[in-house]
Amino acid sequence: MPRWALASLLIAFIVPGLFGHDLWPQDAAGFGRMWAMAHGSATDWLLPNVAGASATQGGPLPYWFGAILIRLVGSIVGDTNAAAAANLFWYPIAIVALWHAVYRLARRDEAQPVAAAFGGEASRRDYARLMANISALLTIGTIGMIWRLHQTQANAASVAIVAVTILAISILEWHLVLAALLAGVSVGALALTQGPLPAAGLLLGCLVVFWRTRRSSTTVGVGTMALVSLLLTAVALGVALSWPLAAFGWAPLEARYYFDAWAAALPFGWLSGEDAVWLVRTSAWFLWPLWPLAGWAVYAWRSSLGGAHLERPLLILGGLALAMLFSAPLDERAVIVLIPPLAVLAALGATTLRRALDNVIDWLAIAVFSLSLVFFWAYYLAMELGAPRAMAASIAHLAPGYVPQVHALALTMAVVVTAAWGQLIAWRVLRRPRVLWRGPMLAAVGVTTVWIAANLLFLPAVDYVFSYRTFAVELAAQLQARGLAQGCVQAHRIPLGERAIIAYYGKIRFDRDGSSETCRLALHHDSRRSSLDDDPPPGVRGMWELSWEGRRRARPDERWRIWVRTAR
C-alpha cells in the first residue's frame, strides 16, 4: 500500500490550504454546483445549477460528493474548504487503484525483465512492487495532477474512475465477472462525470481488452465472453442512465428544459486543426513527465506489445483518444483522463531506461525544478523589496494596487520545503543512489515542492487578483440600495464562475433558468476586450435604465453595471 504516496498528497493539499484563499472564477463554477446542492432541494441535486443558471458541463457525480461534505463538515471548516476536500476522496482512490493495477500487471510472466546471466535478479513480487511504486510516484509528479489539487472540478474524479477501470482489467483472468462489474460501474461513473463520449471511448477500450483476453484463454468461450461483455455494457448503461431517469421521474418539466440545454452543450464535433494544436501544446506540459516515458516504453517493449501489461493500458488509452477525435472543442477534462494509462506505460518505460539516459532525466528534473524555485523566490523578493525594478514592475502590472504583506508562517514553511528540496539534491549528488525509483521520486518531490512554494509565496497576491469577495459585498450593497430586498437579480452576460462567487459572498439570489419570475434589477458584466457583451439586458427599448457602473481595482479591463427595470 503506497502510504507514503497518500501522505505526500495530503501534505501538498494541507500546507497551502492552511492559509486558505477566496473563491476564484476558474474554480467557482464547481463550487457553485456543490453549494446549490448542499443548500437546495432534491431538484438541485438532480439538475445541477450555479446560482440558478443551469450547469450543463459534464455530469453531477463529483459534485454530489462535494455537496455531501459541505452538508457534513461545512459548518466546521467552511463550505469552500469542505468542497475542496472532495479531492481527498478521489485522489487516494486513484493512487491506490493504480498501484494495485500495476502490481498485478507487473507480476505477469510477460512483464518480467530479462533474467541475469548469473542470477541475482529481483523476485517477481519485489519487481512488481517497484513498478507499482514508480507508477504512483510518476502520477503524483504529473503536473496536471498537482495543478488541480485544490480545485472543485471533475478532474480528480475522472482520474480515479479511469484508474479503477485499469484495476478492473488487471484482474479479469482471475475474477472475470467482478472485472466486468467493476469496469461497467467505472464506465457509467465516467458518463456521470464527463458525459457520454469519454465514457463511450472507455467502454470501447474495455470491450476490446476483454475480447483480446479471450483469444489467449483456453477456459473462456465465445458465449461466456459475450455474456460478460453484455453484463459490462448493461451495468455501464444502468449507472449512466440512473441520473436522467431519476431527474425525469422527480421533476419532468424542469428535467426536459435542463437536458435539452445539456445535450446542446455537449462537445460533439470532429477534431479541427486548431483543436489538435491545442491538444499537443496542452498535453506537452499537462502530462509531463508521463508521455516521454510512455513513448519510450512502447519503443523499448516493441517486441512484446501483445503482452497484457502493455496492450491493456494501450487499448484503454486508444479508446479515450478515439473519443477525443469527436469531442471538439476540447478542454483539460479530455486530457486528464489519459493520466492513468500513461502512468502504467511510463512505469514500464522508467525501468528500461539506459543508465546514461536515466542520469540525464535526473539532472533535467533537478535543473528544471531548482530553476523554478529560484524563479519564484526571485520574484517574491522583488515583490517585497521593490528591486530589481523590472521584476517588481512586472508584478505590479499583474496585480495593480496590491500592497505586499509578509506572512511569517507561510514564509517559514516555504523556506523549509525549499531546504528539503536542497537536501534531496544533495542525497542524489553525493550518494549517487542506484535505485530505479530515483528519477520518479525526483519528479514527484520536485513538482510538489514547486507547487507548495509557489502557493505559500504568492497566494495572497493571486488572491488579490482573482478574488471577488470584497467586490461581491460592494455589489450587494449597491443592489440593496436600489431596493433589492428579497427580490431576484437578473444575471446578464455573467460567466458561471463569477455568478457563483457573487451569489455566495454577496448573498444575492439570481433568477433561475426557465423561471417565469420577473426581476426588477439586472447585473451586467462587460469585458472591455470584447464588444459582444456590451448590450443591455434583453427587453424592449427603454425597458432598462442604467443605475450604477463600477469595476474591481485589480481588473481595469472589465465593467459591472446595475440596470433597473422601468415602469414601461
Protein backbone atom coordinates (compact mmCIF):
# COMPACT_ATOMS: atom_id res chain seq x y z
CA MET A 1 0.00 0.00 0.00
CA PRO A 2 1.59 3.32 -1.08
CA ARG A 3 1.11 5.09 2.26
CA TRP A 4 3.96 7.46 1.50
CA ALA A 5 2.25 8.48 -1.75
CA LEU A 6 -1.00 9.28 0.02
CA ALA A 7 0.90 11.15 2.73
CA SER A 8 2.64 13.35 0.15
CA LEU A 9 -0.69 14.22 -1.47
CA LEU A 10 -2.10 15.05 1.93
CA ILE A 11 0.85 17.35 2.69
CA ALA A 12 0.56 19.04 -0.70
CA PHE A 13 -3.14 19.62 -0.05
CA ILE A 14 -2.99 20.73 3.57
CA VAL A 15 0.09 23.02 3.63
CA PRO A 16 -1.20 25.69 1.19
CA GLY A 17 -4.75 25.11 2.45
CA LEU A 18 -3.73 26.20 5.95
CA PHE A 19 -3.74 29.79 4.73
CA GLY A 20 -6.90 29.46 2.66
CA HIS A 21 -7.95 31.56 -0.27
CA ASP A 22 -11.09 33.08 -1.65
CA LEU A 23 -13.03 31.54 -4.50
CA TRP A 24 -11.57 32.23 -7.92
CA PRO A 25 -13.60 32.31 -11.16
CA GLN A 26 -11.63 29.36 -12.59
CA ASP A 27 -12.84 27.19 -9.74
CA ALA A 28 -16.07 28.75 -8.55
CA ALA A 29 -18.43 27.09 -11.02
CA GLY A 30 -17.73 23.68 -9.50
CA PHE A 31 -18.21 25.03 -6.00
CA GLY A 32 -21.40 26.74 -7.12
CA ARG A 33 -22.87 23.38 -8.14
CA MET A 34 -21.91 21.82 -4.80
CA TRP A 35 -23.20 24.75 -2.77
CA ALA A 36 -26.54 24.81 -4.62
CA MET A 37 -26.97 21.08 -3.96
CA ALA A 38 -25.96 21.27 -0.31
CA HIS A 39 -28.31 24.16 0.45
CA GLY A 40 -31.05 23.42 -2.05
CA SER A 41 -33.78 20.88 -2.76
CA ALA A 42 -33.74 17.48 -4.42
CA THR A 43 -34.17 19.23 -7.76
CA ASP A 44 -30.83 20.98 -7.27
CA TRP A 45 -29.16 17.59 -6.68
CA LEU A 46 -30.62 16.11 -9.85
CA LEU A 47 -30.40 19.21 -12.08
CA PRO A 48 -27.13 20.96 -11.17
CA ASN A 49 -27.15 24.73 -11.30
CA VAL A 50 -24.86 27.61 -10.38
CA ALA A 51 -26.86 30.29 -8.61
CA GLY A 52 -29.87 29.45 -10.74
CA ALA A 53 -28.03 29.02 -14.06
CA SER A 54 -28.18 25.51 -15.48
CA ALA A 55 -24.75 23.84 -15.18
CA THR A 56 -24.64 21.70 -18.30
CA GLN A 57 -20.94 20.78 -18.48
CA GLY A 58 -20.42 17.12 -17.67
CA GLY A 59 -22.40 15.27 -15.03
CA PRO A 60 -23.21 15.66 -11.34
CA LEU A 61 -21.29 12.76 -9.76
CA PRO A 62 -18.19 14.65 -8.47
CA TYR A 63 -20.36 17.48 -7.18
CA TRP A 64 -22.59 15.14 -5.22
CA PHE A 65 -19.60 14.16 -3.11
CA GLY A 66 -18.59 17.78 -2.56
CA ALA A 67 -22.15 18.68 -1.58
CA ILE A 68 -22.23 15.82 0.92
CA LEU A 69 -19.02 17.11 2.51
CA ILE A 70 -20.47 20.62 2.70
CA ARG A 71 -23.50 19.23 4.49
CA LEU A 72 -21.34 17.17 6.88
CA VAL A 73 -18.43 19.47 7.75
CA GLY A 74 -19.13 22.78 6.02
CA SER A 75 -20.22 24.43 9.25
CA ILE A 76 -16.92 23.39 10.88
CA VAL A 77 -14.26 24.02 8.21
CA GLY A 78 -16.20 26.32 5.90
CA ASP A 79 -18.13 25.48 2.74
CA THR A 80 -15.25 26.25 0.38
CA ASN A 81 -12.76 24.07 2.28
CA ALA A 82 -15.27 21.25 2.56
CA ALA A 83 -15.90 21.33 -1.19
CA ALA A 84 -12.17 21.28 -1.99
CA ALA A 85 -11.68 18.36 0.41
CA ALA A 86 -13.62 16.16 -2.02
CA ASN A 87 -10.30 15.73 -3.82
CA LEU A 88 -9.04 13.92 -0.72
CA PHE A 89 -11.62 11.29 -1.56
CA TRP A 90 -10.83 10.95 -5.27
CA TYR A 91 -7.03 11.20 -5.38
CA PRO A 92 -6.38 8.39 -2.85
CA ILE A 93 -8.73 6.15 -4.84
CA ALA A 94 -6.73 6.95 -7.97
CA ILE A 95 -3.34 6.25 -6.35
CA VAL A 96 -4.41 3.03 -4.58
CA ALA A 97 -6.27 1.61 -7.60
CA LEU A 98 -3.40 2.40 -9.95
CA TRP A 99 -0.82 0.93 -7.57
CA HIS A 100 -2.67 -2.38 -7.30
CA ALA A 101 -3.35 -2.48 -11.05
CA VAL A 102 0.32 -2.02 -11.92
CA TYR A 103 1.32 -4.51 -9.22
CA ARG A 104 -0.89 -7.18 -10.80
CA LEU A 105 0.18 -6.42 -14.35
CA ALA A 106 3.87 -6.40 -13.42
CA ARG A 107 3.67 -9.85 -11.82
CA ARG A 108 2.66 -11.44 -15.11
CA ASP A 109 5.18 -13.66 -16.90
CA GLU A 110 5.42 -11.45 -19.98
CA ALA A 111 6.15 -8.37 -17.86
CA GLN A 112 9.24 -9.78 -16.19
CA PRO A 113 12.65 -8.34 -17.11
CA VAL A 114 15.27 -10.48 -18.83
CA ALA A 115 16.89 -12.77 -16.28
CA ALA A 116 20.50 -12.02 -15.41
CA ALA A 117 23.05 -14.50 -16.76
CA PHE A 118 24.39 -15.38 -13.31
CA GLY A 119 21.28 -14.81 -11.23
CA GLY A 120 20.77 -12.01 -8.73
CA GLU A 121 17.64 -10.56 -10.35
CA ALA A 122 14.80 -9.24 -8.20
CA SER A 123 11.96 -11.54 -7.18
CA ARG A 124 8.68 -11.29 -9.04
CA ARG A 125 7.00 -9.74 -6.00
CA ASP A 126 9.74 -7.15 -5.44
CA TYR A 127 9.79 -6.22 -9.11
CA ALA A 128 6.01 -5.74 -9.13
CA ARG A 129 6.17 -3.55 -6.02
CA LEU A 130 8.93 -1.49 -7.63
CA MET A 131 6.83 -0.95 -10.74
CA ALA A 132 3.76 -0.04 -8.69
CA ASN A 133 5.74 2.43 -6.58
CA ILE A 134 7.18 4.06 -9.69
CA SER A 135 3.71 4.44 -11.21
CA ALA A 136 2.43 6.10 -8.01
CA LEU A 137 5.42 8.46 -7.90
CA LEU A 138 5.03 9.40 -11.54
CA THR A 139 1.31 10.03 -11.08
CA ILE A 140 1.96 12.35 -8.15
CA GLY A 141 4.74 14.04 -10.14
CA THR A 142 2.47 14.73 -13.12
CA ILE A 143 1.91 18.46 -13.48
CA GLY A 144 -1.76 18.01 -14.38
CA MET A 145 -2.42 16.19 -11.09
CA ILE A 146 -0.87 18.73 -8.75
CA TRP A 147 -2.14 21.68 -10.81
CA ARG A 148 -5.78 20.93 -9.98
CA LEU A 149 -5.27 19.61 -6.45
CA HIS A 150 -7.35 22.31 -4.73
CA GLN A 151 -9.95 22.87 -7.42
CA THR A 152 -13.55 21.73 -7.10
CA GLN A 153 -13.79 20.38 -10.62
CA ALA A 154 -14.35 16.92 -12.09
CA ASN A 155 -10.67 16.27 -12.85
CA ALA A 156 -9.84 14.29 -9.71
CA ALA A 157 -12.93 12.11 -10.09
CA SER A 158 -12.07 11.40 -13.73
CA VAL A 159 -8.57 10.22 -12.84
CA ALA A 160 -9.91 7.97 -10.06
CA ILE A 161 -12.56 6.44 -12.31
CA VAL A 162 -10.12 5.56 -15.11
CA ALA A 163 -7.64 4.20 -12.55
CA VAL A 164 -10.34 1.88 -11.18
CA THR A 165 -11.06 0.76 -14.75
CA ILE A 166 -7.41 -0.21 -15.19
CA LEU A 167 -7.60 -2.12 -11.91
CA ALA A 168 -10.65 -3.97 -13.29
CA ILE A 169 -8.89 -5.08 -16.47
CA SER A 170 -5.85 -6.21 -14.46
CA ILE A 171 -7.88 -8.89 -12.63
CA LEU A 172 -10.08 -10.24 -15.41
CA GLU A 173 -8.27 -13.62 -15.75
CA TRP A 174 -8.93 -14.38 -12.09
CA HIS A 175 -12.26 -12.62 -11.46
CA LEU A 176 -13.97 -12.24 -14.83
CA VAL A 177 -17.45 -11.28 -13.59
CA LEU A 178 -16.07 -8.97 -10.90
CA ALA A 179 -13.85 -7.29 -13.50
CA ALA A 180 -16.87 -6.76 -15.77
CA LEU A 181 -18.95 -5.32 -12.93
CA LEU A 182 -16.15 -3.00 -11.80
CA ALA A 183 -15.42 -1.84 -15.34
CA GLY A 184 -19.13 -1.29 -16.02
CA VAL A 185 -19.59 0.82 -12.90
CA SER A 186 -16.48 2.83 -13.83
CA VAL A 187 -17.69 3.48 -17.38
CA GLY A 188 -21.08 4.59 -16.06
CA ALA A 189 -19.41 6.78 -13.45
CA LEU A 190 -17.32 8.48 -16.16
CA ALA A 191 -20.54 9.17 -18.07
CA LEU A 192 -21.93 10.80 -14.91
CA THR A 193 -18.72 12.84 -14.63
CA GLN A 194 -17.64 13.84 -18.14
CA GLY A 195 -20.54 12.90 -20.36
CA PRO A 196 -21.28 10.15 -22.89
CA LEU A 197 -18.39 10.47 -25.35
CA PRO A 198 -15.45 9.87 -22.97
CA ALA A 199 -17.46 7.03 -21.39
CA ALA A 200 -18.08 5.51 -24.82
CA GLY A 201 -14.34 5.60 -25.52
CA LEU A 202 -13.60 3.94 -22.19
CA LEU A 203 -16.28 1.30 -22.83
CA LEU A 204 -14.82 0.54 -26.26
CA GLY A 205 -11.35 0.12 -24.78
CA CYS A 206 -12.68 -2.23 -22.07
CA LEU A 207 -14.62 -4.40 -24.52
CA VAL A 208 -11.59 -4.78 -26.79
CA VAL A 209 -9.46 -5.73 -23.78
CA PHE A 210 -11.97 -8.39 -22.73
CA TRP A 211 -12.20 -9.92 -26.20
CA ARG A 212 -8.45 -9.83 -26.72
CA THR A 213 -8.06 -11.69 -23.44
CA ARG A 214 -10.48 -14.39 -24.62
CA ARG A 215 -8.24 -15.15 -27.59
CA SER A 216 -5.39 -16.13 -25.25
CA SER A 217 -7.61 -18.03 -22.79
CA THR A 218 -8.43 -21.71 -23.01
CA THR A 219 -11.12 -21.60 -20.33
CA VAL A 220 -13.36 -18.76 -21.53
CA GLY A 221 -15.52 -19.48 -24.56
CA VAL A 222 -17.14 -17.10 -27.01
CA GLY A 223 -20.54 -17.44 -25.36
CA THR A 224 -19.18 -16.69 -21.91
CA MET A 225 -17.31 -13.63 -23.12
CA ALA A 226 -20.40 -12.40 -24.98
CA LEU A 227 -22.43 -12.64 -21.78
CA VAL A 228 -19.71 -10.89 -19.78
CA SER A 229 -19.49 -8.11 -22.38
CA LEU A 230 -23.26 -7.73 -22.26
CA LEU A 231 -23.06 -7.52 -18.46
CA LEU A 232 -20.36 -4.85 -18.65
CA THR A 233 -22.37 -2.77 -21.14
CA ALA A 234 -25.63 -3.18 -19.24
CA VAL A 235 -24.08 -2.10 -15.95
CA ALA A 236 -22.44 0.91 -17.63
CA LEU A 237 -25.75 1.98 -19.21
CA GLY A 238 -27.63 1.39 -15.97
CA VAL A 239 -25.29 3.59 -13.97
CA ALA A 240 -25.18 6.27 -16.67
CA LEU A 241 -28.96 6.41 -17.13
CA SER A 242 -29.76 6.43 -13.42
CA TRP A 243 -29.30 10.19 -13.24
CA PRO A 244 -31.58 11.32 -16.13
CA LEU A 245 -34.21 8.73 -15.21
CA ALA A 246 -34.28 9.96 -11.61
CA ALA A 247 -34.43 13.58 -12.79
CA PHE A 248 -37.35 12.97 -15.17
CA GLY A 249 -39.13 10.96 -12.51
CA TRP A 250 -38.80 13.71 -9.90
CA ALA A 251 -39.23 16.92 -11.94
CA PRO A 252 -40.18 16.10 -15.56
CA LEU A 253 -40.73 19.68 -16.78
CA GLU A 254 -37.54 21.06 -15.28
CA ALA A 255 -35.62 17.98 -16.43
CA ARG A 256 -36.76 18.43 -20.03
CA TYR A 257 -35.58 22.03 -20.03
CA TYR A 258 -32.27 21.09 -18.39
CA PHE A 259 -31.40 18.09 -20.57
CA ASP A 260 -32.26 19.98 -23.76
CA ALA A 261 -29.63 22.54 -22.75
CA TRP A 262 -27.28 19.76 -21.56
CA ALA A 263 -27.46 17.94 -24.89
CA ALA A 264 -26.92 21.17 -26.82
CA ALA A 265 -23.81 21.92 -24.74
CA LEU A 266 -22.16 18.52 -25.33
CA PRO A 267 -18.79 18.85 -27.11
CA PHE A 268 -19.65 16.79 -30.16
CA GLY A 269 -17.60 17.69 -33.21
CA TRP A 270 -14.72 16.48 -35.32
CA LEU A 271 -11.30 17.50 -34.02
CA SER A 272 -10.09 20.51 -36.01
CA GLY A 273 -6.53 21.56 -36.72
CA GLU A 274 -6.80 24.26 -34.07
CA ASP A 275 -8.01 21.72 -31.53
CA ALA A 276 -5.16 19.38 -32.44
CA VAL A 277 -2.61 22.15 -31.88
CA TRP A 278 -4.21 22.95 -28.51
CA LEU A 279 -4.14 19.27 -27.57
CA VAL A 280 -0.45 18.88 -28.37
CA ARG A 281 0.52 22.11 -26.63
CA THR A 282 -1.53 21.37 -23.50
CA SER A 283 -0.58 17.70 -23.25
CA ALA A 284 3.12 18.56 -23.51
CA TRP A 285 3.11 20.22 -20.08
CA PHE A 286 -0.07 18.84 -18.52
CA LEU A 287 1.03 15.20 -18.91
CA TRP A 288 4.71 15.74 -18.15
CA PRO A 289 6.71 13.56 -17.41
CA LEU A 290 4.38 10.68 -18.36
CA TRP A 291 4.25 10.99 -22.13
CA PRO A 292 8.01 10.75 -22.92
CA LEU A 293 8.42 7.74 -20.61
CA ALA A 294 5.29 6.09 -22.05
CA GLY A 295 6.62 6.62 -25.57
CA TRP A 296 9.93 5.08 -24.58
CA ALA A 297 8.09 2.10 -23.05
CA VAL A 298 6.33 1.39 -26.34
CA TYR A 299 9.67 1.50 -28.15
CA ALA A 300 11.62 -0.50 -25.57
CA TRP A 301 8.93 -3.20 -25.34
CA ARG A 302 8.06 -3.15 -29.04
CA SER A 303 8.61 -6.88 -29.35
CA SER A 304 6.11 -7.53 -26.54
CA LEU A 305 3.27 -5.17 -27.42
CA GLY A 306 0.86 -8.09 -27.27
CA GLY A 307 1.60 -8.62 -23.57
CA ALA A 308 -1.20 -7.69 -21.20
CA HIS A 309 0.99 -5.24 -19.27
CA LEU A 310 1.38 -3.13 -22.43
CA GLU A 311 -1.64 -3.99 -24.53
CA ARG A 312 -4.31 -3.28 -21.94
CA PRO A 313 -3.27 0.27 -20.97
CA LEU A 314 -2.64 0.98 -24.66
CA LEU A 315 -6.17 -0.13 -25.56
CA ILE A 316 -7.70 2.00 -22.80
CA LEU A 317 -5.56 4.91 -23.96
CA GLY A 318 -6.64 4.30 -27.55
CA GLY A 319 -10.34 4.23 -26.66
CA LEU A 320 -10.10 7.51 -24.78
CA ALA A 321 -8.06 9.09 -27.57
CA LEU A 322 -10.58 7.94 -30.16
CA ALA A 323 -13.37 9.61 -28.20
CA MET A 324 -11.37 12.84 -28.20
CA LEU A 325 -11.49 12.90 -32.02
CA PHE A 326 -15.24 13.54 -31.79
CA SER A 327 -15.21 15.78 -28.69
CA ALA A 328 -14.28 19.19 -30.07
CA PRO A 329 -13.91 21.74 -28.64
CA LEU A 330 -11.53 20.17 -26.14
CA ASP A 331 -10.62 21.27 -22.64
CA GLU A 332 -8.47 19.91 -19.80
CA ARG A 333 -11.11 17.32 -18.89
CA ALA A 334 -10.29 15.48 -22.10
CA VAL A 335 -6.58 15.37 -21.24
CA ILE A 336 -6.76 14.45 -17.55
CA VAL A 337 -8.32 11.02 -18.22
CA LEU A 338 -5.15 9.99 -20.06
CA ILE A 339 -3.06 10.10 -16.88
CA PRO A 340 -3.79 6.57 -15.51
CA PRO A 341 -2.99 4.55 -18.68
CA LEU A 342 0.03 6.74 -19.37
CA ALA A 343 1.24 6.20 -15.78
CA VAL A 344 1.19 2.42 -16.32
CA LEU A 345 3.19 2.74 -19.53
CA ALA A 346 5.54 5.31 -18.00
CA ALA A 347 6.40 2.94 -15.15
CA LEU A 348 7.36 0.31 -17.73
CA GLY A 349 9.46 2.88 -19.56
CA ALA A 350 11.23 4.08 -16.42
CA THR A 351 12.51 0.59 -15.65
CA THR A 352 14.06 0.15 -19.11
CA LEU A 353 15.97 3.41 -19.37
CA ARG A 354 19.65 3.16 -20.12
CA ARG A 355 21.87 4.38 -17.30
CA ALA A 356 23.10 7.44 -19.24
CA LEU A 357 19.56 8.47 -20.19
CA ASP A 358 18.38 7.85 -16.64
CA ASN A 359 21.04 10.23 -15.35
CA VAL A 360 20.08 12.85 -17.93
CA ILE A 361 16.45 12.72 -16.75
CA ASP A 362 17.61 13.04 -13.13
CA TRP A 363 19.66 16.12 -13.88
CA LEU A 364 16.91 17.57 -16.05
CA ALA A 365 14.45 17.24 -13.14
CA ILE A 366 16.94 18.80 -10.74
CA ALA A 367 17.65 21.68 -13.13
CA VAL A 368 14.02 22.41 -14.04
CA PHE A 369 12.61 22.37 -10.52
CA SER A 370 15.59 24.15 -8.97
CA LEU A 371 15.39 26.92 -11.56
CA SER A 372 11.64 27.14 -10.96
CA LEU A 373 12.24 27.63 -7.24
CA VAL A 374 14.90 30.27 -7.95
CA PHE A 375 12.44 32.00 -10.30
CA PHE A 376 9.66 32.10 -7.70
CA TRP A 377 11.95 33.23 -4.90
CA ALA A 378 13.47 35.97 -7.08
CA TYR A 379 10.06 37.38 -7.98
CA TYR A 380 8.88 37.10 -4.39
CA LEU A 381 11.86 39.12 -3.14
CA ALA A 382 11.34 41.64 -5.94
CA MET A 383 7.68 41.98 -4.92
CA GLU A 384 8.60 42.51 -1.27
CA LEU A 385 11.72 44.69 -1.71
CA GLY A 386 10.87 46.55 -4.91
CA ALA A 387 14.14 45.53 -6.56
CA PRO A 388 15.17 44.65 -9.19
CA ARG A 389 12.83 47.27 -10.59
CA ALA A 390 11.94 45.41 -13.79
CA MET A 391 10.80 42.32 -11.89
CA ALA A 392 8.92 44.40 -9.32
CA ALA A 393 7.24 46.34 -12.13
CA SER A 394 6.04 43.15 -13.79
CA ILE A 395 4.45 42.03 -10.52
CA ALA A 396 2.81 45.45 -10.12
CA HIS A 397 1.47 45.18 -13.67
CA LEU A 398 -0.09 41.78 -12.96
CA ALA A 399 -1.51 42.86 -9.59
CA PRO A 400 -2.16 46.64 -9.82
CA GLY A 401 -2.67 48.23 -6.43
CA TYR A 402 -1.53 45.21 -4.43
CA VAL A 403 0.38 46.00 -1.23
CA PRO A 404 2.75 43.12 -0.31
CA GLN A 405 2.33 41.64 3.15
CA VAL A 406 4.79 39.23 4.75
CA HIS A 407 3.17 36.20 6.35
CA ALA A 408 5.81 34.84 8.71
CA LEU A 409 4.46 31.29 8.94
CA ALA A 410 3.97 30.92 5.18
CA LEU A 411 7.46 32.33 4.54
CA THR A 412 8.99 29.93 7.07
CA MET A 413 7.23 26.94 5.52
CA ALA A 414 8.37 27.99 2.03
CA VAL A 415 11.95 28.10 3.30
CA VAL A 416 11.54 24.65 4.84
CA VAL A 417 10.21 22.99 1.66
CA THR A 418 12.94 24.67 -0.40
CA ALA A 419 15.58 23.40 2.02
CA ALA A 420 14.06 19.92 1.81
CA TRP A 421 14.48 20.01 -1.96
CA GLY A 422 18.09 21.04 -1.46
CA GLN A 423 18.61 18.04 0.85
CA LEU A 424 17.19 15.72 -1.80
CA ILE A 425 19.58 17.13 -4.39
CA ALA A 426 22.49 16.60 -2.01
CA TRP A 427 21.37 12.98 -1.50
CA ARG A 428 21.30 12.45 -5.28
CA VAL A 429 24.65 14.13 -5.94
CA LEU A 430 26.69 12.87 -3.00
CA ARG A 431 25.37 9.35 -2.51
CA ARG A 432 24.55 8.56 -6.14
CA PRO A 433 21.91 6.01 -5.22
CA ARG A 434 21.50 3.17 -7.73
CA VAL A 435 17.75 2.66 -7.40
CA LEU A 436 15.25 2.65 -10.25
CA TRP A 437 12.73 4.84 -8.42
CA ARG A 438 15.25 7.69 -8.07
CA GLY A 439 14.06 9.63 -11.13
CA PRO A 440 10.32 9.30 -10.47
CA MET A 441 10.90 10.38 -6.87
CA LEU A 442 12.78 13.48 -8.02
CA ALA A 443 9.89 14.32 -10.35
CA ALA A 444 7.24 13.77 -7.68
CA VAL A 445 9.07 15.71 -4.96
CA GLY A 446 10.11 18.46 -7.39
CA VAL A 447 6.60 19.13 -8.68
CA THR A 448 5.16 19.03 -5.17
CA THR A 449 7.87 21.34 -3.77
CA VAL A 450 7.49 23.94 -6.51
CA TRP A 451 3.70 23.87 -6.21
CA ILE A 452 3.75 24.26 -2.42
CA ALA A 453 6.39 27.03 -2.50
CA ALA A 454 4.53 28.97 -5.22
CA ASN A 455 1.30 28.77 -3.21
CA LEU A 456 2.94 29.88 0.02
CA LEU A 457 4.77 32.80 -1.57
CA PHE A 458 2.19 34.16 -4.00
CA LEU A 459 -1.22 33.05 -2.73
CA PRO A 460 -2.08 36.48 -1.23
CA ALA A 461 -1.16 38.27 -4.46
CA VAL A 462 -3.05 35.79 -6.65
CA ASP A 463 -5.98 36.02 -4.26
CA TYR A 464 -5.95 39.79 -4.66
CA VAL A 465 -6.14 39.50 -8.45
CA PHE A 466 -8.76 36.77 -8.71
CA SER A 467 -10.84 37.21 -5.58
CA TYR A 468 -14.29 38.75 -5.85
CA ARG A 469 -15.15 38.65 -2.14
CA THR A 470 -14.88 42.39 -1.38
CA PHE A 471 -16.37 43.37 -4.72
CA ALA A 472 -19.30 40.97 -4.25
CA VAL A 473 -20.14 42.61 -0.93
CA GLU A 474 -19.95 46.02 -2.61
CA LEU A 475 -22.27 44.87 -5.39
CA ALA A 476 -24.72 43.52 -2.82
CA ALA A 477 -24.73 46.89 -1.05
CA GLN A 478 -25.37 48.70 -4.33
CA LEU A 479 -28.24 46.35 -5.16
CA GLN A 480 -29.74 46.71 -1.68
CA ALA A 481 -29.60 50.49 -2.04
CA ARG A 482 -31.73 50.15 -5.16
CA GLY A 483 -34.47 48.17 -3.46
CA LEU A 484 -33.32 44.56 -3.86
CA ALA A 485 -34.96 43.41 -0.60
CA GLN A 486 -35.97 39.77 -1.12
CA GLY A 487 -36.32 40.04 -4.87
CA CYS A 488 -34.21 38.38 -7.53
CA VAL A 489 -31.48 39.79 -9.76
CA GLN A 490 -31.33 39.03 -13.46
CA ALA A 491 -27.82 37.91 -14.49
CA HIS A 492 -26.74 39.29 -17.87
CA ARG A 493 -23.52 38.16 -19.57
CA ILE A 494 -22.09 36.90 -16.27
CA PRO A 495 -19.91 33.76 -16.58
CA LEU A 496 -20.77 30.87 -14.27
CA GLY A 497 -17.68 31.32 -12.09
CA GLU A 498 -18.31 34.97 -11.35
CA ARG A 499 -22.02 34.29 -10.89
CA ALA A 500 -21.26 31.68 -8.23
CA ILE A 501 -18.81 33.94 -6.38
CA ILE A 502 -21.12 36.94 -6.30
CA ALA A 503 -24.09 34.83 -5.21
CA TYR A 504 -22.04 33.18 -2.43
CA TYR A 505 -20.20 36.19 -1.00
CA GLY A 506 -22.87 38.79 -1.74
CA LYS A 507 -25.79 36.53 -0.78
CA ILE A 508 -27.56 37.56 -3.97
CA ARG A 509 -30.38 35.46 -5.40
CA PHE A 510 -30.14 35.37 -9.18
CA ASP A 511 -33.03 34.36 -11.39
CA ARG A 512 -33.28 30.68 -12.24
CA ASP A 513 -33.12 29.48 -15.84
CA GLY A 514 -36.57 28.63 -17.13
CA SER A 515 -38.31 30.56 -14.35
CA SER A 516 -41.16 32.98 -15.13
CA GLU A 517 -40.19 35.28 -12.23
CA THR A 518 -39.66 38.93 -13.19
CA CYS A 519 -36.63 40.61 -11.64
CA ARG A 520 -36.59 44.34 -11.02
CA LEU A 521 -32.79 44.59 -11.10
CA ALA A 522 -30.21 43.24 -13.53
CA LEU A 523 -26.45 42.82 -13.09
CA HIS A 524 -24.34 43.09 -16.22
CA HIS A 525 -20.72 42.02 -16.77
CA ASP A 526 -18.93 43.75 -19.65
CA SER A 527 -15.39 42.96 -20.78
CA ARG A 528 -13.54 45.82 -22.45
CA ARG A 529 -11.67 43.29 -24.59
CA SER A 530 -14.87 42.29 -26.40
CA SER A 531 -17.80 44.18 -27.89
CA LEU A 532 -20.07 41.12 -27.89
CA ASP A 533 -21.23 41.71 -24.31
CA ASP A 534 -21.99 45.44 -24.46
CA ASP A 535 -25.75 45.12 -24.95
CA PRO A 536 -28.17 45.90 -22.08
CA PRO A 537 -30.38 43.16 -20.59
CA PRO A 538 -32.94 41.73 -23.03
CA GLY A 539 -36.23 43.57 -23.44
CA VAL A 540 -37.85 46.33 -25.44
CA ARG A 541 -36.09 49.63 -25.95
CA GLY A 542 -36.20 51.80 -22.82
CA MET A 543 -37.15 48.88 -20.59
CA TRP A 544 -33.91 49.14 -18.58
CA GLU A 545 -32.25 52.18 -17.06
CA LEU A 546 -28.57 52.22 -16.13
CA SER A 547 -28.24 52.92 -12.40
CA TRP A 548 -24.62 52.14 -11.45
CA GLU A 549 -21.30 51.25 -13.05
CA GLY A 550 -18.08 50.08 -11.37
CA ARG A 551 -15.13 47.73 -11.60
CA ARG A 552 -12.68 45.84 -9.46
CA ARG A 553 -9.40 47.62 -8.83
CA ALA A 554 -7.38 44.60 -9.96
CA ARG A 555 -9.24 44.29 -13.29
CA PRO A 556 -9.39 47.59 -15.19
CA ASP A 557 -10.47 45.75 -18.36
CA GLU A 558 -13.96 44.92 -17.08
CA ARG A 559 -17.08 46.84 -16.14
CA TRP A 560 -20.03 45.88 -13.96
CA ARG A 561 -23.38 47.62 -14.38
CA ILE A 562 -26.64 47.60 -12.44
CA TRP A 563 -29.77 48.12 -14.50
CA VAL A 564 -33.19 48.96 -13.04
CA ARG A 565 -36.36 47.91 -14.79
CA THR A 566 -38.51 50.93 -15.67
CA ALA A 567 -42.29 51.12 -15.41
CA ARG A 568 -42.70 50.82 -19.17
